[in-house]
């Protein structure tokens, strides 16, 4: 893992530039007055959208040659959750 030390001023002065130095396994240690105050690192695992998960399941089904059958009650519960979901509207801080 590559570790880069940058001052708080360097990071705040060019945040996009700091992030461009960040590799997939690296981290940026942010120093204030020579003391580490924060670590910026890439997420450990990329999250997938529901559409990506459905496509992944479809491909695995093709590879196996059969589909996995969900319990009817469980499938109904999931369908209800999907039908009733509401858009996520995060606050301006997110």
Protein backbone atom coordinates (compact mmCIF):
# COMPACT_ATOMS: atom_id res chain seq x y z
CA UNK A 1 0.00 0.00 0.00
CA UNK A 2 1.40 3.36 -1.04
CA UNK A 3 1.11 6.03 1.61
CA UNK A 4 1.32 9.70 0.67
CA UNK A 5 1.71 12.43 3.31
CA UNK A 6 0.23 15.81 2.51
CA UNK A 7 -0.40 18.84 4.65
CA UNK A 8 -3.92 20.00 5.39
CA UNK A 9 -3.22 23.12 3.32
CA UNK A 10 -2.04 21.06 0.32
CA UNK A 11 -5.14 18.87 0.39
CA UNK A 12 -7.60 21.73 0.90
CA UNK A 13 -5.83 23.85 -1.74
CA UNK A 14 -6.21 21.20 -4.46
CA UNK A 15 -8.50 18.41 -3.31
CA UNK A 16 -9.00 17.05 -6.84
CA UNK A 17 -5.24 16.98 -7.34
CA UNK A 18 -4.78 15.13 -4.05
CA UNK A 19 -7.36 12.53 -5.05
CA UNK A 20 -5.65 12.07 -8.41
CA UNK A 21 -2.56 10.85 -6.52
CA UNK A 22 -4.60 8.22 -4.72
CA UNK A 23 -4.16 4.73 -6.15
CA UNK A 24 -6.59 1.84 -5.63
CA UNK A 25 -4.64 0.51 -2.62
CA UNK A 26 -3.08 3.76 -1.46
CA UNK A 27 -3.94 6.28 1.15
CA UNK A 28 -3.29 9.93 1.82
CA UNK A 29 -2.31 10.86 5.36
CA UNK A 30 -3.35 14.45 6.02
CA UNK A 31 -1.03 16.23 8.44
CA UNK A 32 -1.67 19.37 10.50
CA UNK A 33 1.43 20.87 12.10
CA UNK A 34 3.30 17.62 11.43
CA UNK A 35 0.67 15.43 13.13
CA UNK A 36 -1.67 13.10 11.21
CA UNK A 37 -5.30 14.22 11.49
CA UNK A 38 -7.04 12.24 8.75
CA UNK A 39 -6.58 9.43 6.26
CA UNK A 40 -8.16 9.46 2.82
CA UNK A 41 -8.33 6.12 1.04
CA UNK A 42 -10.26 4.46 -1.74
CA UNK A 43 -13.29 2.41 -0.69
CA UNK A 44 -12.43 -1.21 0.00
CA UNK A 45 -15.18 -2.54 -2.23
CA UNK A 46 -17.30 -0.93 -4.90
CA UNK A 47 -21.02 -1.16 -4.24
CA UNK A 48 -23.32 -2.44 -6.97
CA UNK A 49 -26.67 -1.12 -8.11
CA UNK A 50 -29.76 -3.29 -8.08
CA UNK A 51 -29.63 -3.44 -11.89
CA UNK A 52 -26.01 -4.70 -11.74
CA UNK A 53 -26.97 -7.39 -9.22
CA UNK A 54 -29.87 -8.54 -11.39
CA UNK A 55 -27.57 -8.76 -14.44
CA UNK A 56 -24.97 -10.68 -12.41
CA UNK A 57 -27.65 -13.15 -11.26
CA UNK A 58 -28.83 -13.58 -14.87
CA UNK A 59 -25.29 -14.38 -16.06
CA UNK A 60 -24.72 -16.86 -13.24
CA UNK A 61 -28.02 -18.54 -14.09
CA UNK A 62 -26.85 -18.92 -17.70
CA UNK A 63 -23.52 -20.38 -16.55
CA UNK A 64 -25.18 -22.89 -14.19
CA UNK A 65 -27.91 -23.82 -16.62
CA UNK A 66 -30.64 -23.42 -14.00
CA UNK A 67 -32.14 -20.71 -11.86
CA UNK A 68 -32.41 -20.56 -8.11
CA UNK A 69 -36.02 -20.47 -7.01
CA UNK A 70 -36.89 -18.18 -4.14
CA UNK A 71 -39.47 -19.09 -1.55
CA UNK A 72 -42.80 -17.56 -2.69
CA UNK A 73 -43.26 -15.53 0.51
CA UNK A 74 -39.71 -14.16 0.34
CA UNK A 75 -40.09 -13.24 -3.33
CA UNK A 76 -43.38 -11.45 -2.56
CA UNK A 77 -41.73 -9.52 0.27
CA UNK A 78 -38.89 -8.39 -2.00
CA UNK A 79 -41.31 -7.36 -4.75
CA UNK A 80 -43.27 -5.30 -2.23
CA UNK A 81 -40.11 -3.56 -1.01
CA UNK A 82 -39.10 -2.71 -4.58
CA UNK A 83 -42.58 -1.42 -5.45
CA UNK A 84 -42.78 0.78 -2.35
CA UNK A 85 -39.28 2.21 -2.42
CA UNK A 86 -38.99 5.95 -2.50
CA UNK A 87 -36.26 8.08 -4.08
CA UNK A 88 -33.37 8.90 -1.79
CA UNK A 89 -33.03 12.61 -1.26
CA UNK A 90 -29.91 13.19 0.84
CA UNK A 91 -29.21 16.46 2.57
CA UNK A 92 -26.75 18.86 1.02
CA UNK A 93 -24.00 17.53 3.32
CA UNK A 94 -24.11 14.01 1.81
